[in-house]
Every structure is written in structure tokens, then in C-alpha cells.
C-alpha atoms as a PDB file:
ATOM      1  CA  MET A   1      20.415  51.178  -4.514  1.00  0.00           C
ATOM      2  CA  THR A   2      24.370  50.500  -4.445  1.00  0.00           C
ATOM      3  CA  GLN A   3      25.792  47.401  -5.812  1.00  0.00           C
ATOM      4  CA  ALA A   4      25.836  44.218  -3.164  1.00  0.00           C
ATOM      5  CA  ASN A   5      28.950  44.009  -1.066  1.00  0.00           C
ATOM      6  CA  SER A   6      31.582  41.386  -2.003  1.00  0.00           C
ATOM      7  CA  ASP A   7      34.525  41.928  -0.008  1.00  0.00           C
ATOM      8  CA  LYS A   8      32.767  39.897   3.182  1.00  0.00           C
ATOM      9  CA  THR A   9      31.676  36.327   2.952  1.00  0.00           C
ATOM     10  CA  VAL A  10      29.902  34.250   5.742  1.00  0.00           C
ATOM     11  CA  THR A  11      28.917  30.490   4.836  1.00  0.00           C
ATOM     12  CA  LEU A  12      26.899  28.272   6.816  1.00  0.00           C
ATOM     13  CA  ASN A  13      26.367  24.797   6.585  1.00  0.00           C
ATOM     14  CA  THR A  14      22.950  23.399   8.288  1.00  0.00           C
ATOM     15  CA  PHE A  15      21.201  19.829   7.843  1.00  0.00           C
ATOM     16  CA  PHE A  16      17.582  19.515   8.048  1.00  0.00           C
ATOM     17  CA  PRO A  17      15.881  16.401   8.517  1.00  0.00           C
ATOM     18  CA  THR A  18      13.010  17.260   5.699  1.00  0.00           C
ATOM     19  CA  SER A  19      13.079  17.393   1.987  1.00  0.00           C
ATOM     20  CA  ARG A  20      14.680  20.049  -0.059  1.00  0.00           C
ATOM     21  CA  THR A  21      10.919  21.174  -1.061  1.00  0.00           C
ATOM     22  CA  THR A  22       9.871  22.037   2.314  1.00  0.00           C
ATOM     23  CA  ILE A  23      12.532  24.034   3.051  1.00  0.00           C
ATOM     24  CA  TRP A  24      12.051  26.042  -0.253  1.00  0.00           C
ATOM     25  CA  ASN A  25       8.507  26.470   0.573  1.00  0.00           C
ATOM     26  CA  PHE A  26       9.643  28.098   4.084  1.00  0.00           C
ATOM     27  CA  TRP A  27      12.340  30.198   2.271  1.00  0.00           C
ATOM     28  CA  THR A  28       9.651  31.329  -0.426  1.00  0.00           C
ATOM     29  CA  VAL A  29       6.053  31.407   0.407  1.00  0.00           C
ATOM     30  CA  PRO A  30       5.279  34.402   2.449  1.00  0.00           C
ATOM     31  CA  ALA A  31       2.800  32.285   4.956  1.00  0.00           C
ATOM     32  CA  LEU A  32       5.557  29.993   5.803  1.00  0.00           C
ATOM     33  CA  LEU A  33       8.199  32.728   6.180  1.00  0.00           C
ATOM     34  CA  LYS A  34       6.317  34.199   8.763  1.00  0.00           C
ATOM     35  CA  LYS A  35       6.604  31.392  10.727  1.00  0.00           C
ATOM     36  CA  TRP A  36      10.565  31.572  11.174  1.00  0.00           C
ATOM     37  CA  PHE A  37      11.500  35.099  10.433  1.00  0.00           C
ATOM     38  CA  GLY A  38      12.909  37.463  12.700  1.00  0.00           C
ATOM     39  CA  SER A  39      15.500  38.057  15.390  1.00  0.00           C
ATOM     40  CA  ASP A  40      13.379  38.825  18.542  1.00  0.00           C
ATOM     41  CA  PRO A  41      11.903  35.477  20.055  1.00  0.00           C
ATOM     42  CA  GLU A  42       9.003  37.363  21.245  1.00  0.00           C
ATOM     43  CA  GLY A  43       8.408  39.281  18.067  1.00  0.00           C
ATOM     44  CA  THR A  44       6.139  38.571  14.791  1.00  0.00           C
ATOM     45  CA  VAL A  45       6.319  39.145  11.174  1.00  0.00           C
ATOM     46  CA  ILE A  46       3.385  41.269  10.525  1.00  0.00           C
ATOM     47  CA  SER A  47       3.620  40.896   6.812  1.00  0.00           C
ATOM     48  CA  ALA A  48       5.626  39.065   3.961  1.00  0.00           C
ATOM     49  CA  TYR A  49       5.600  39.435   0.501  1.00  0.00           C
ATOM     50  CA  SER A  50       7.075  37.323  -2.457  1.00  0.00           C
ATOM     51  CA  ASP A  51       7.327  37.698  -6.174  1.00  0.00           C
ATOM     52  CA  LEU A  52       9.171  34.743  -6.822  1.00  0.00           C
ATOM     53  CA  ARG A  53      10.795  35.193 -10.027  1.00  0.00           C
ATOM     54  CA  GLU A  54      14.203  36.452 -11.073  1.00  0.00           C
ATOM     55  CA  GLY A  55      14.026  39.980 -10.926  1.00  0.00           C
ATOM     56  CA  GLY A  56      10.909  40.036  -8.651  1.00  0.00           C
ATOM     57  CA  ASN A  57      11.149  41.963  -5.332  1.00  0.00           C
ATOM     58  CA  PHE A  58       9.972  40.654  -1.663  1.00  0.00           C
ATOM     59  CA  SER A  59       9.864  42.107   1.409  1.00  0.00           C
ATOM     60  CA  VAL A  60       9.319  41.462   5.301  1.00  0.00           C
ATOM     61  CA  THR A  61       8.319  43.511   7.801  1.00  0.00           C
ATOM     62  CA  LEU A  62       8.788  41.816  11.534  1.00  0.00           C
ATOM     63  CA  GLN A  63       7.756  43.790  15.015  1.00  0.00           C
ATOM     64  CA  ASN A  64       9.636  42.870  18.084  1.00  0.00           C
ATOM     65  CA  ALA A  65       7.982  42.825  21.072  1.00  0.00           C
ATOM     66  CA  ASN A  66       8.802  46.175  22.005  1.00  0.00           C
ATOM     67  CA  GLY A  67       6.772  47.450  19.100  1.00  0.00           C
ATOM     68  CA  THR A  68       9.441  48.556  16.917  1.00  0.00           C
ATOM     69  CA  GLU A  69       9.159  47.639  13.281  1.00  0.00           C
ATOM     70  CA  HIS A  70      11.830  46.411  10.655  1.00  0.00           C
ATOM     71  CA  THR A  71      11.396  45.959   7.090  1.00  0.00           C
ATOM     72  CA  CYS A  72      13.815  44.003   4.964  1.00  0.00           C
ATOM     73  CA  ALA A  73      13.573  43.957   0.951  1.00  0.00           C
ATOM     74  CA  GLY A  74      15.460  42.658  -2.044  1.00  0.00           C
ATOM     75  CA  THR A  75      15.282  41.448  -5.433  1.00  0.00           C
ATOM     76  CA  TYR A  76      15.693  37.641  -6.431  1.00  0.00           C
ATOM     77  CA  LEU A  77      18.387  37.210  -9.056  1.00  0.00           C
ATOM     78  CA  VAL A  78      18.620  33.239  -9.577  1.00  0.00           C
ATOM     79  CA  VAL A  79      15.450  31.350  -8.804  1.00  0.00           C
ATOM     80  CA  VAL A  80      15.993  27.686  -9.410  1.00  0.00           C
ATOM     81  CA  PRO A  81      12.848  25.803  -7.502  1.00  0.00           C
ATOM     82  CA  CYS A  82      14.009  23.547  -4.722  1.00  0.00           C
ATOM     83  CA  GLU A  83      17.826  24.103  -5.635  1.00  0.00           C
ATOM     84  CA  ARG A  84      19.463  27.608  -5.785  1.00  0.00           C
ATOM     85  CA  LEU A  85      17.880  31.318  -4.488  1.00  0.00           C
ATOM     86  CA  GLU A  86      20.102  34.167  -4.826  1.00  0.00           C
ATOM     87  CA  PHE A  87      19.063  37.942  -4.172  1.00  0.00           C
ATOM     88  CA  THR A  88      20.252  41.182  -2.547  1.00  0.00           C
ATOM     89  CA  TRP A  89      19.016  41.913   0.972  1.00  0.00           C
ATOM     90  CA  PHE A  90      18.454  45.623   2.481  1.00  0.00           C
ATOM     91  CA  TRP A  91      17.041  47.322   5.758  1.00  0.00           C
ATOM     92  CA  LYS A  92      14.755  49.865   4.737  1.00  0.00           C
ATOM     93  CA  GLY A  93      16.373  53.095   5.717  1.00  0.00           C
ATOM     94  CA  ARG A  94      19.604  51.737   5.067  1.00  0.00           C
ATOM     95  CA  GLU A  95      19.229  50.997   1.124  1.00  0.00           C
ATOM     96  CA  ALA A  96      22.811  52.017   0.589  1.00  0.00           C
ATOM     97  CA  HIS A  97      24.127  48.965   2.492  1.00  0.00           C
ATOM     98  CA  VAL A  98      22.877  46.042   0.272  1.00  0.00           C
ATOM     99  CA  GLU A  99      23.939  42.174   1.076  1.00  0.00           C
ATOM    100  CA  PHE A 100      24.067  39.363  -1.505  1.00  0.00           C
ATOM    101  CA  ILE A 101      22.397  35.963  -0.049  1.00  0.00           C
ATOM    102  CA  SER A 102      22.828  32.524  -1.737  1.00  0.00           C
ATOM    103  CA  VAL A 103      21.047  29.669  -0.602  1.00  0.00           C
ATOM    104  CA  ALA A 104      21.977  26.378  -1.916  1.00  0.00           C
ATOM    105  CA  LEU A 105      19.901  23.131  -1.214  1.00  0.00           C
ATOM    106  CA  SER A 106      21.110  19.563  -1.785  1.00  0.00           C
ATOM    107  CA  ASP A 107      19.688  16.069  -0.560  1.00  0.00           C
ATOM    108  CA  VAL A 108      21.688  14.251   1.911  1.00  0.00           C
ATOM    109  CA  SER A 109      21.096  11.170   3.611  1.00  0.00           C
ATOM    110  CA  ASN A 110      17.941  11.590   5.849  1.00  0.00           C
ATOM    111  CA  GLY A 111      17.317  15.238   5.242  1.00  0.00           C
END
């Protein structure tokens, strides 16, 4: 596997009217991840795995409405519960194209 690309960055800031713990769980607990992950509104997540520790792996397999399956996977690099999650990301079959994801959670008024 190649090193993560660092020449392009996308930053998203989102507000959720709930606790950091709830958001953390939806990012890290496979049963909750299955409730929101995917790109096809008519598709489903058929499996999700998470070894939530630095150096641990994750994978998610989704199935689009047309039956096509896609699996993403990666390795957790930084795990600070309810605060920070950093990991690599790639699609199976495209392992040479590795991306780096960083999720930072913070409290704000009402969320």
C-alpha cells in the first residue's frame, strides 16, 4: 500500500444537535455505522468491522440498489475517544489510492 496523498485537502464543518459521544459512536460502532454509511439512498451496508485502536483496521461493505458491492477499508492512526479519529481510507481494488481522513469533534452550544 502506498502512503496517503497529502497534496489535496477538503475540509467539512458540520453541526449536529447531539453529543460528541453520539457522533463518535456513529463513526466507530459497526452497528451504528451501518445506519448511515453509503452513497446510494436505496442501498444497504451489508457488513461493517472496526478494530478501534491505533493500528487497528476497519472495513465497510455496501451494496447499491443494483446489487453492486463496494468495500472501503483502512487503518486507524489516531484514536482519542469522543475527540479525534484519524485513519487511512481506500476502496478494495484500488489499494494504491490511499486517502487520509481526520475527524475532530468539539462541543458547541446545543450540540
